[in-house]
């Protein structure tokens, strides 16, 4: 799915799937002590960290928007981090390590 960011057409490596096996996903998410509980029919949005920086940034904007505006729950398996709006803010803050340049800070 192409995305326009700063006037450039990007193609971040992400997808959307419907949860068809909530038990398996919840078992995987069980590593979070207070982690989310997936239900049959929930939407799972994923993306690859192997994208270049601009595509990564586009994916972070998309995921943060989905979490914030649609009461989503984000998680990152490698870093074992997760959450709702505060997690979305962390995703955006990761794009701008210098607080002076951070338009969200």
PDB file of N, CA and C in Angstrom:
ATOM      1  N   UNK A   1       0.849  -1.163   0.000  1.00  0.00           N
ATOM      2  CA  UNK A   1       0.000   0.000   0.000  1.00  0.00           C
ATOM      3  C   UNK A   1       0.902   1.235   0.000  1.00  0.00           C
ATOM      4  N   UNK A   2       0.898   2.008  -1.053  1.00  0.00           N
ATOM      5  CA  UNK A   2       1.734   3.212  -1.112  1.00  0.00           C
ATOM      6  C   UNK A   2       1.277   4.271  -0.104  1.00  0.00           C
ATOM      7  N   UNK A   3       2.240   5.008   0.413  1.00  0.00           N
ATOM      8  CA  UNK A   3       2.006   6.063   1.398  1.00  0.00           C
ATOM      9  C   UNK A   3       2.771   7.296   0.924  1.00  0.00           C
ATOM     10  N   UNK A   4       2.172   8.492   1.052  1.00  0.00           N
ATOM     11  CA  UNK A   4       2.867   9.727   0.703  1.00  0.00           C
ATOM     12  C   UNK A   4       3.345  10.382   1.999  1.00  0.00           C
ATOM     13  N   UNK A   5       4.647  10.626   2.098  1.00  0.00           N
ATOM     14  CA  UNK A   5       5.245  11.267   3.261  1.00  0.00           C
ATOM     15  C   UNK A   5       6.216  12.324   2.768  1.00  0.00           C
ATOM     16  N   UNK A   6       5.982  13.561   3.181  1.00  0.00           N
ATOM     17  CA  UNK A   6       6.829  14.684   2.754  1.00  0.00           C
ATOM     18  C   UNK A   6       6.941  14.764   1.232  1.00  0.00           C
ATOM     19  N   UNK A   7       5.843  14.480   0.541  1.00  0.00           N
ATOM     20  CA  UNK A   7       5.804  14.582  -0.908  1.00  0.00           C
ATOM     21  C   UNK A   7       6.365  13.395  -1.660  1.00  0.00           C
ATOM     22  N   UNK A   8       6.936  12.425  -0.942  1.00  0.00           N
ATOM     23  CA  UNK A   8       7.506  11.242  -1.600  1.00  0.00           C
ATOM     24  C   UNK A   8       6.543  10.062  -1.458  1.00  0.00           C
ATOM     25  N   UNK A   9       6.384   9.296  -2.534  1.00  0.00           N
ATOM     26  CA  UNK A   9       5.554   8.094  -2.488  1.00  0.00           C
ATOM     27  C   UNK A   9       6.434   6.953  -1.979  1.00  0.00           C
ATOM     28  N   UNK A  10       6.023   6.375  -0.852  1.00  0.00           N
ATOM     29  CA  UNK A  10       6.782   5.303  -0.210  1.00  0.00           C
ATOM     30  C   UNK A  10       5.963   4.025  -0.214  1.00  0.00           C
ATOM     31  N   UNK A  11       6.631   2.927   0.030  1.00  0.00           N
ATOM     32  CA  UNK A  11       5.958   1.637   0.084  1.00  0.00           C
ATOM     33  C   UNK A  11       6.485   0.853   1.284  1.00  0.00           C
ATOM     34  N   UNK A  12       6.065   1.258   2.519  1.00  0.00           N
ATOM     35  CA  UNK A  12       6.560   0.548   3.697  1.00  0.00           C
ATOM     36  C   UNK A  12       6.097  -0.895   3.696  1.00  0.00           C
ATOM     37  N   UNK A  13       6.918  -1.761   4.246  1.00  0.00           N
ATOM     38  CA  UNK A  13       6.629  -3.191   4.295  1.00  0.00           C
ATOM     39  C   UNK A  13       5.734  -3.472   5.502  1.00  0.00           C
ATOM     40  N   UNK A  14       4.413  -3.342   5.302  1.00  0.00           N
ATOM     41  CA  UNK A  14       3.489  -3.641   6.374  1.00  0.00           C
ATOM     42  C   UNK A  14       2.241  -4.281   5.794  1.00  0.00           C
ATOM     43  N   UNK A  15       1.450  -4.869   6.665  1.00  0.00           N
ATOM     44  CA  UNK A  15       0.230  -5.507   6.217  1.00  0.00           C
ATOM     45  C   UNK A  15      -0.797  -5.534   7.326  1.00  0.00           C
ATOM     46  N   UNK A  16      -2.002  -5.928   6.971  1.00  0.00           N
ATOM     47  CA  UNK A  16      -3.108  -6.031   7.914  1.00  0.00           C
ATOM     48  C   UNK A  16      -3.693  -7.427   7.765  1.00  0.00           C
ATOM     49  N   UNK A  17      -3.859  -8.086   8.897  1.00  0.00           N
ATOM     50  CA  UNK A  17      -4.446  -9.425   8.909  1.00  0.00           C
ATOM     51  C   UNK A  17      -5.565  -9.481   9.929  1.00  0.00           C
ATOM     52  N   UNK A  18      -6.545 -10.326   9.680  1.00  0.00           N
ATOM     53  CA  UNK A  18      -7.602 -10.581  10.655  1.00  0.00           C
ATOM     54  C   UNK A  18      -7.132 -11.735  11.539  1.00  0.00           C
ATOM     55  N   UNK A  19      -7.271 -11.580  12.850  1.00  0.00           N
ATOM     56  CA  UNK A  19      -6.869 -12.632  13.785  1.00  0.00           C
ATOM     57  C   UNK A  19      -7.833 -13.803  13.619  1.00  0.00           C
ATOM     58  N   UNK A  20      -7.283 -14.931  13.182  1.00  0.00           N
ATOM     59  CA  UNK A  20      -8.093 -16.130  13.013  1.00  0.00           C
ATOM     60  C   UNK A  20      -7.766 -17.190  14.055  1.00  0.00           C
ATOM     61  N   UNK A  21      -6.638 -17.012  14.757  1.00  0.00           N
ATOM     62  CA  UNK A  21      -6.245 -17.942  15.817  1.00  0.00           C
ATOM     63  C   UNK A  21      -5.809 -17.119  17.027  1.00  0.00           C
ATOM     64  N   UNK A  22      -6.802 -16.648  17.777  1.00  0.00           N
ATOM     65  CA  UNK A  22      -6.520 -15.785  18.921  1.00  0.00           C
ATOM     66  C   UNK A  22      -5.704 -16.517  19.975  1.00  0.00           C
ATOM     67  N   UNK A  23      -5.918 -17.823  20.123  1.00  0.00           N
ATOM     68  CA  UNK A  23      -5.184 -18.593  21.134  1.00  0.00           C
ATOM     69  C   UNK A  23      -3.675 -18.560  20.854  1.00  0.00           C
ATOM     70  N   UNK A  24      -3.294 -18.790  19.606  1.00  0.00           N
ATOM     71  CA  UNK A  24      -1.868 -18.795  19.247  1.00  0.00           C
ATOM     72  C   UNK A  24      -1.250 -17.408  19.427  1.00  0.00           C
ATOM     73  N   UNK A  25      -1.970 -16.373  19.012  1.00  0.00           N
ATOM     74  CA  UNK A  25      -1.443 -15.012  19.157  1.00  0.00           C
ATOM     75  C   UNK A  25      -1.316 -14.645  20.630  1.00  0.00           C
ATOM     76  N   UNK A  26      -2.312 -14.996  21.429  1.00  0.00           N
ATOM     77  CA  UNK A  26      -2.240 -14.701  22.862  1.00  0.00           C
ATOM     78  C   UNK A  26      -1.111 -15.468  23.531  1.00  0.00           C
ATOM     79  N   UNK A  27      -0.830 -16.679  23.063  1.00  0.00           N
ATOM     80  CA  UNK A  27       0.300 -17.436  23.606  1.00  0.00           C
ATOM     81  C   UNK A  27       1.612 -16.712  23.299  1.00  0.00           C
ATOM     82  N   UNK A  28       1.718 -16.168  22.090  1.00  0.00           N
ATOM     83  CA  UNK A  28       2.913 -15.419  21.713  1.00  0.00           C
ATOM     84  C   UNK A  28       3.020 -14.134  22.530  1.00  0.00           C
ATOM     85  N   UNK A  29       1.897 -13.481  22.766  1.00  0.00           N
ATOM     86  CA  UNK A  29       1.879 -12.237  23.527  1.00  0.00           C
ATOM     87  C   UNK A  29       1.965 -12.495  25.028  1.00  0.00           C
ATOM     88  N   UNK A  30       1.887 -13.733  25.444  1.00  0.00           N
ATOM     89  CA  UNK A  30       1.939 -14.079  26.858  1.00  0.00           C
ATOM     90  C   UNK A  30       3.217 -13.652  27.540  1.00  0.00           C
ATOM     91  N   UNK A  31       4.231 -13.330  26.759  1.00  0.00           N
ATOM     92  CA  UNK A  31       5.480 -12.869  27.344  1.00  0.00           C
ATOM     93  C   UNK A  31       5.321 -11.497  27.977  1.00  0.00           C
ATOM     94  N   UNK A  32       4.260 -10.781  27.633  1.00  0.00           N
ATOM     95  CA  UNK A  32       3.949  -9.507  28.289  1.00  0.00           C
ATOM     96  C   UNK A  32       3.126  -9.850  29.531  1.00  0.00           C
ATOM     97  N   UNK A  33       3.599  -9.476  30.692  1.00  0.00           N
ATOM     98  CA  UNK A  33       2.861  -9.831  31.904  1.00  0.00           C
ATOM     99  C   UNK A  33       1.492  -9.188  31.957  1.00  0.00           C
ATOM    100  N   UNK A  34       1.376  -7.970  31.487  1.00  0.00           N
ATOM    101  CA  UNK A  34       0.078  -7.307  31.472  1.00  0.00           C
ATOM    102  C   UNK A  34      -0.333  -7.005  30.036  1.00  0.00           C
ATOM    103  N   UNK A  35       0.075  -7.892  29.155  1.00  0.00           N
ATOM    104  CA  UNK A  35      -0.066  -7.657  27.730  1.00  0.00           C
ATOM    105  C   UNK A  35      -1.483  -7.713  27.213  1.00  0.00           C
ATOM    106  N   UNK A  36      -1.626  -7.391  25.952  1.00  0.00           N
ATOM    107  CA  UNK A  36      -2.948  -7.350  25.326  1.00  0.00           C
ATOM    108  C   UNK A  36      -3.526  -8.747  25.147  1.00  0.00           C
ATOM    109  N   UNK A  37      -4.814  -8.795  25.024  1.00  0.00           N
ATOM    110  CA  UNK A  37      -5.504 -10.046  24.742  1.00  0.00           C
ATOM    111  C   UNK A  37      -6.189  -9.889  23.399  1.00  0.00           C
ATOM    112  N   UNK A  38      -5.762 -10.688  22.454  1.00  0.00           N
ATOM    113  CA  UNK A  38      -6.352 -10.641  21.114  1.00  0.00           C
ATOM    114  C   UNK A  38      -7.607 -11.503  21.081  1.00  0.00           C
ATOM    115  N   UNK A  39      -8.547 -11.046  20.287  1.00  0.00           N
ATOM    116  CA  UNK A  39      -9.787 -11.790  20.114  1.00  0.00           C
ATOM    117  C   UNK A  39      -9.975 -12.130  18.646  1.00  0.00           C
ATOM    118  N   UNK A  40     -10.706 -13.185  18.391  1.00  0.00           N
ATOM    119  CA  UNK A  40     -11.026 -13.604  17.038  1.00  0.00           C
ATOM    120  C   UNK A  40     -11.667 -12.430  16.301  1.00  0.00           C
ATOM    121  N   UNK A  41     -11.159 -12.119  15.121  1.00  0.00           N
ATOM    122  CA  UNK A  41     -11.698 -11.034  14.314  1.00  0.00           C
ATOM    123  C   UNK A  41     -10.999  -9.705  14.501  1.00  0.00           C
ATOM    124  N   UNK A  42     -10.139  -9.579  15.530  1.00  0.00           N
ATOM    125  CA  UNK A  42      -9.357  -8.343  15.683  1.00  0.00           C
ATOM    126  C   UNK A  42      -8.467  -8.163  14.458  1.00  0.00           C
ATOM    127  N   UNK A  43      -8.087  -6.920  14.205  1.00  0.00           N
ATOM    128  CA  UNK A  43      -7.147  -6.638  13.127  1.00  0.00           C
ATOM    129  C   UNK A  43      -5.742  -6.541  13.699  1.00  0.00           C
ATOM    130  N   UNK A  44      -4.814  -7.174  13.042  1.00  0.00           N
ATOM    131  CA  UNK A  44      -3.416  -7.152  13.431  1.00  0.00           C
ATOM    132  C   UNK A  44      -2.643  -6.458  12.314  1.00  0.00           C
ATOM    133  N   UNK A  45      -2.033  -5.322  12.639  1.00  0.00           N
ATOM    134  CA  UNK A  45      -1.237  -4.577  11.670  1.00  0.00           C
ATOM    135  C   UNK A  45       0.225  -4.814  12.010  1.00  0.00           C
ATOM    136  N   UNK A  46       1.010  -5.225  11.028  1.00  0.00           N
ATOM    137  CA  UNK A  46       2.428  -5.506  11.263  1.00  0.00           C
ATOM    138  C   UNK A  46       3.263  -4.747  10.248  1.00  0.00           C
ATOM    139  N   UNK A  47       4.529  -4.583  10.585  1.00  0.00           N
ATOM    140  CA  UNK A  47       5.452  -4.000   9.619  1.00  0.00           C
ATOM    141  C   UNK A  47       6.844  -4.549   9.870  1.00  0.00           C
ATOM    142  N   UNK A  48       7.685  -4.413   8.877  1.00  0.00           N
ATOM    143  CA  UNK A  48       9.046  -4.927   8.935  1.00  0.00           C
ATOM    144  C   UNK A  48      10.008  -3.831   9.348  1.00  0.00           C
ATOM    145  N   UNK A  49      10.910  -4.152  10.261  1.00  0.00           N
ATOM    146  CA  UNK A  49      11.974  -3.220  10.662  1.00  0.00           C
ATOM    147  C   UNK A  49      13.067  -3.142   9.600  1.00  0.00           C
ATOM    148  N   UNK A  50      12.970  -3.949   8.576  1.00  0.00           N
ATOM    149  CA  UNK A  50      14.042  -4.022   7.580  1.00  0.00           C
ATOM    150  C   UNK A  50      13.872  -3.002   6.459  1.00  0.00           C
ATOM    151  N   UNK A  51      12.898  -2.120   6.609  1.00  0.00           N
ATOM    152  CA  UNK A  51      12.691  -1.073   5.614  1.00  0.00           C
ATOM    153  C   UNK A  51      13.772  -0.006   5.753  1.00  0.00           C
ATOM    154  N   UNK A  52      13.930   0.809   4.704  1.00  0.00           N
ATOM    155  CA  UNK A  52      14.847   1.941   4.831  1.00  0.00           C
ATOM    156  C   UNK A  52      14.221   2.973   5.770  1.00  0.00           C
ATOM    157  N   UNK A  53      14.963   3.991   6.148  1.00  0.00           N
ATOM    158  CA  UNK A  53      14.532   4.934   7.177  1.00  0.00           C
ATOM    159  C   UNK A  53      13.229   5.660   6.827  1.00  0.00           C
ATOM    160  N   UNK A  54      13.074   6.086   5.590  1.00  0.00           N
ATOM    161  CA  UNK A  54      11.843   6.807   5.217  1.00  0.00           C
ATOM    162  C   UNK A  54      10.617   5.908   5.290  1.00  0.00           C
ATOM    163  N   UNK A  55      10.752   4.655   4.846  1.00  0.00           N
ATOM    164  CA  UNK A  55       9.635   3.718   4.935  1.00  0.00           C
ATOM    165  C   UNK A  55       9.353   3.347   6.390  1.00  0.00           C
ATOM    166  N   UNK A  56      10.401   3.226   7.193  1.00  0.00           N
ATOM    167  CA  UNK A  56      10.246   2.967   8.622  1.00  0.00           C
ATOM    168  C   UNK A  56       9.469   4.122   9.268  1.00  0.00           C
ATOM    169  N   UNK A  57       9.854   5.355   8.954  1.00  0.00           N
ATOM    170  CA  UNK A  57       9.163   6.523   9.498  1.00  0.00           C
ATOM    171  C   UNK A  57       7.683   6.512   9.107  1.00  0.00           C
ATOM    172  N   UNK A  58       7.403   6.201   7.852  1.00  0.00           N
ATOM    173  CA  UNK A  58       6.010   6.149   7.394  1.00  0.00           C
ATOM    174  C   UNK A  58       5.232   5.103   8.185  1.00  0.00           C
ATOM    175  N   UNK A  59       5.824   3.947   8.412  1.00  0.00           N
ATOM    176  CA  UNK A  59       5.157   2.892   9.183  1.00  0.00           C
ATOM    177  C   UNK A  59       4.907   3.348  10.617  1.00  0.00           C
ATOM    178  N   UNK A  60       5.861   4.063  11.222  1.00  0.00           N
ATOM    179  CA  UNK A  60       5.684   4.560  12.592  1.00  0.00           C
ATOM    180  C   UNK A  60       4.522   5.550  12.671  1.00  0.00           C
ATOM    181  N   UNK A  61       4.431   6.435  11.676  1.00  0.00           N
ATOM    182  CA  UNK A  61       3.309   7.386  11.648  1.00  0.00           C
ATOM    183  C   UNK A  61       1.980   6.649  11.529  1.00  0.00           C
ATOM    184  N   UNK A  62       1.913   5.663  10.654  1.00  0.00           N
ATOM    185  CA  UNK A  62       0.677   4.904  10.446  1.00  0.00           C
ATOM    186  C   UNK A  62       0.293   4.152  11.711  1.00  0.00           C
ATOM    187  N   UNK A  63       1.244   3.420  12.294  1.00  0.00           N
ATOM    188  CA  UNK A  63       0.938   2.647  13.494  1.00  0.00           C
ATOM    189  C   UNK A  63       0.550   3.546  14.660  1.00  0.00           C
ATOM    190  N   UNK A  64       1.247   4.653  14.835  1.00  0.00           N
ATOM    191  CA  UNK A  64       0.927   5.579  15.924  1.00  0.00           C
ATOM    192  C   UNK A  64      -0.476   6.151  15.757  1.00  0.00           C
ATOM    193  N   UNK A  65      -0.835   6.474  14.532  1.00  0.00           N
ATOM    194  CA  UNK A  65      -2.166   6.998  14.259  1.00  0.00           C
ATOM    195  C   UNK A  65      -3.238   5.959  14.555  1.00  0.00           C
ATOM    196  N   UNK A  66      -3.009   4.726  14.141  1.00  0.00           N
ATOM    197  CA  UNK A  66      -3.987   3.670  14.400  1.00  0.00           C
ATOM    198  C   UNK A  66      -4.157   3.426  15.898  1.00  0.00           C
ATOM    199  N   UNK A  67      -3.043   3.414  16.628  1.00  0.00           N
ATOM    200  CA  UNK A  67      -3.108   3.191  18.076  1.00  0.00           C
ATOM    201  C   UNK A  67      -3.872   4.330  18.748  1.00  0.00           C
ATOM    202  N   UNK A  68      -3.517   5.563  18.402  1.00  0.00           N
ATOM    203  CA  UNK A  68      -4.088   6.736  19.068  1.00  0.00           C
ATOM    204  C   UNK A  68      -5.544   6.977  18.693  1.00  0.00           C
ATOM    205  N   UNK A  69      -5.865   6.912  17.410  1.00  0.00           N
ATOM    206  CA  UNK A  69      -7.200   7.296  16.952  1.00  0.00           C
ATOM    207  C   UNK A  69      -8.221   6.172  16.973  1.00  0.00           C
ATOM    208  N   UNK A  70      -7.777   4.929  17.082  1.00  0.00           N
ATOM    209  CA  UNK A  70      -8.719   3.815  17.051  1.00  0.00           C
ATOM    210  C   UNK A  70      -8.595   2.922  18.278  1.00  0.00           C
ATOM    211  N   UNK A  71      -8.064   3.497  19.378  1.00  0.00           N
ATOM    212  CA  UNK A  71      -7.944   2.777  20.652  1.00  0.00           C
ATOM    213  C   UNK A  71      -7.216   1.447  20.477  1.00  0.00           C
ATOM    214  N   UNK A  72      -6.164   1.489  19.690  1.00  0.00           N
ATOM    215  CA  UNK A  72      -5.387   0.281  19.449  1.00  0.00           C
ATOM    216  C   UNK A  72      -4.417  -0.024  20.575  1.00  0.00           C
ATOM    217  N   UNK A  73      -3.792  -1.163  20.467  1.00  0.00           N
ATOM    218  CA  UNK A  73      -2.751  -1.578  21.411  1.00  0.00           C
ATOM    219  C   UNK A  73      -1.562  -2.018  20.570  1.00  0.00           C
ATOM    220  N   UNK A  74      -0.449  -1.319  20.716  1.00  0.00           N
ATOM    221  CA  UNK A  74       0.735  -1.638  19.935  1.00  0.00           C
ATOM    222  C   UNK A  74       1.698  -2.494  20.727  1.00  0.00           C
ATOM    223  N   UNK A  75       2.443  -3.325  20.025  1.00  0.00           N
ATOM    224  CA  UNK A  75       3.478  -4.105  20.686  1.00  0.00           C
ATOM    225  C   UNK A  75       4.635  -4.315  19.746  1.00  0.00           C
ATOM    226  N   UNK A  76       5.797  -4.457  20.334  1.00  0.00           N
ATOM    227  CA  UNK A  76       7.040  -4.663  19.584  1.00  0.00           C
ATOM    228  C   UNK A  76       7.729  -5.846  20.226  1.00  0.00           C
ATOM    229  N   UNK A  77       7.731  -6.969  19.522  1.00  0.00           N
ATOM    230  CA  UNK A  77       8.179  -8.233  20.113  1.00  0.00           C
ATOM    231  C   UNK A  77       9.668  -8.253  20.465  1.00  0.00           C
ATOM    232  N   UNK A  78      10.513  -7.642  19.643  1.00  0.00           N
ATOM    233  CA  UNK A  78      11.948  -7.703  19.919  1.00  0.00           C
ATOM    234  C   UNK A  78      12.304  -6.936  21.187  1.00  0.00           C
ATOM    235  N   UNK A  79      11.676  -5.798  21.395  1.00  0.00           N
ATOM    236  CA  UNK A  79      11.981  -4.975  22.560  1.00  0.00           C
ATOM    237  C   UNK A  79      11.080  -5.262  23.744  1.00  0.00           C
ATOM    238  N   UNK A  80      10.117  -6.151  23.550  1.00  0.00           N
ATOM    239  CA  UNK A  80       9.172  -6.523  24.593  1.00  0.00           C
ATOM    240  C   UNK A  80       8.475  -5.291  25.178  1.00  0.00           C
ATOM    241  N   UNK A  81       8.133  -4.340  24.313  1.00  0.00           N
ATOM    242  CA  UNK A  81       7.428  -3.154  24.760  1.00  0.00           C
ATOM    243  C   UNK A  81       6.041  -3.131  24.134  1.00  0.00           C
ATOM    244  N   UNK A  82       5.121  -2.477  24.826  1.00  0.00           N
ATOM    245  CA  UNK A  82       3.753  -2.418  24.325  1.00  0.00           C
ATOM    246  C   UNK A  82       3.004  -1.310  25.023  1.00  0.00           C
ATOM    247  N   UNK A  83       1.839  -0.990  24.527  1.00  0.00           N
ATOM    248  CA  UNK A  83       1.005  -0.003  25.191  1.00  0.00           C
ATOM    249  C   UNK A  83       0.025   0.645  24.254  1.00  0.00           C
ATOM    250  N   UNK A  84      -0.613   1.654  24.769  1.00  0.00           N
ATOM    251  CA  UNK A  84      -1.623   2.370  24.008  1.00  0.00           C
ATOM    252  C   UNK A  84      -1.079   3.726  23.590  1.00  0.00           C
ATOM    253  N   UNK A  85      -1.686   4.818  24.015  1.00  0.00           N
ATOM    254  CA  UNK A  85      -1.289   6.140  23.527  1.00  0.00           C
ATOM    255  C   UNK A  85       0.147   6.496  23.900  1.00  0.00           C
ATOM    256  N   UNK A  86       0.581   6.145  25.108  1.00  0.00           N
ATOM    257  CA  UNK A  86       1.963   6.457  25.498  1.00  0.00           C
ATOM    258  C   UNK A  86       2.957   5.678  24.635  1.00  0.00           C
ATOM    259  N   UNK A  87       2.599   4.462  24.250  1.00  0.00           N
ATOM    260  CA  UNK A  87       3.450   3.668  23.367  1.00  0.00           C
ATOM    261  C   UNK A  87       3.530   4.325  21.987  1.00  0.00           C
ATOM    262  N   UNK A  88       2.395   4.838  21.504  1.00  0.00           N
ATOM    263  CA  UNK A  88       2.383   5.531  20.211  1.00  0.00           C
ATOM    264  C   UNK A  88       3.301   6.750  20.263  1.00  0.00           C
ATOM    265  N   UNK A  89       3.270   7.470  21.373  1.00  0.00           N
ATOM    266  CA  UNK A  89       4.160   8.635  21.530  1.00  0.00           C
ATOM    267  C   UNK A  89       5.620   8.201  21.521  1.00  0.00           C
ATOM    268  N   UNK A  90       5.926   7.067  22.149  1.00  0.00           N
ATOM    269  CA  UNK A  90       7.299   6.542  22.136  1.00  0.00           C
ATOM    270  C   UNK A  90       7.745   6.220  20.710  1.00  0.00           C
ATOM    271  N   UNK A  91       6.827   5.662  19.912  1.00  0.00           N
ATOM    272  CA  UNK A  91       7.166   5.356  18.517  1.00  0.00           C
ATOM    273  C   UNK A  91       7.541   6.632  17.770  1.00  0.00           C
ATOM    274  N   UNK A  92       6.742   7.672  17.935  1.00  0.00           N
ATOM    275  CA  UNK A  92       7.022   8.939  17.254  1.00  0.00           C
ATOM    276  C   UNK A  92       8.291   9.586  17.800  1.00  0.00           C
ATOM    277  N   UNK A  93       8.484   9.542  19.108  1.00  0.00           N
ATOM    278  CA  UNK A  93       9.691  10.117  19.704  1.00  0.00           C
ATOM    279  C   UNK A  93      10.951   9.419  19.200  1.00  0.00           C
ATOM    280  N   UNK A  94      10.841   8.120  18.881  1.00  0.00           N
ATOM    281  CA  UNK A  94      12.019   7.384  18.392  1.00  0.00           C
ATOM    282  C   UNK A  94      12.492   7.907  17.040  1.00  0.00           C
ATOM    283  N   UNK A  95      11.613   8.595  16.318  1.00  0.00           N
ATOM    284  CA  UNK A  95      11.983   9.155  15.018  1.00  0.00           C
ATOM    285  C   UNK A  95      12.811  10.425  15.165  1.00  0.00           C
ATOM    286  N   UNK A  96      12.699  11.061  16.330  1.00  0.00           N
ATOM    287  CA  UNK A  96      13.362  12.346  16.574  1.00  0.00           C
ATOM    288  C   UNK A  96      14.106  12.293  17.907  1.00  0.00           C
ATOM    289  N   UNK A  97      15.296  11.691  17.944  1.00  0.00           N
ATOM    290  CA  UNK A  97      16.020  11.585  19.217  1.00  0.00           C
ATOM    291  C   UNK A  97      16.422  12.934  19.817  1.00  0.00           C
ATOM    292  N   UNK A  98      16.539  13.965  18.989  1.00  0.00           N
ATOM    293  CA  UNK A  98      16.888  15.297  19.487  1.00  0.00           C
ATOM    294  C   UNK A  98      15.595  16.031  19.834  1.00  0.00           C
ATOM    295  N   UNK A  99      15.360  16.326  21.141  1.00  0.00           N
ATOM    296  CA  UNK A  99      14.105  16.974  21.548  1.00  0.00           C
ATOM    297  C   UNK A  99      13.855  18.313  20.859  1.00  0.00           C
ATOM    298  N   UNK A 100      14.900  18.995  20.458  1.00  0.00           N
ATOM    299  CA  UNK A 100      14.743  20.304  19.794  1.00  0.00           C
ATOM    300  C   UNK A 100      14.062  20.115  18.428  1.00  0.00           C
ATOM    301  N   UNK A 101      14.371  19.019  17.741  1.00  0.00           N
ATOM    302  CA  UNK A 101      13.839  18.769  16.406  1.00  0.00           C
ATOM    303  C   UNK A 101      12.522  18.014  16.418  1.00  0.00           C
ATOM    304  N   UNK A 102      12.089  17.545  17.586  1.00  0.00           N
ATOM    305  CA  UNK A 102      10.894  16.708  17.687  1.00  0.00           C
ATOM    306  C   UNK A 102       9.622  17.548  17.608  1.00  0.00           C
ATOM    307  N   UNK A 103       8.855  17.434  16.518  1.00  0.00           N
ATOM    308  CA  UNK A 103       7.636  18.230  16.397  1.00  0.00           C
ATOM    309  C   UNK A 103       6.521  17.722  17.313  1.00  0.00           C
ATOM    310  N   UNK A 104       6.686  16.521  17.899  1.00  0.00           N
ATOM    311  CA  UNK A 104       5.659  15.946  18.767  1.00  0.00           C
ATOM    312  C   UNK A 104       5.927  16.195  20.221  1.00  0.00           C
ATOM    313  N   UNK A 105       7.155  16.613  20.571  1.00  0.00           N
ATOM    314  CA  UNK A 105       7.561  16.781  21.966  1.00  0.00           C
ATOM    315  C   UNK A 105       7.120  18.043  22.515  1.00  0.00           C
TER     316      UNK A 105
END
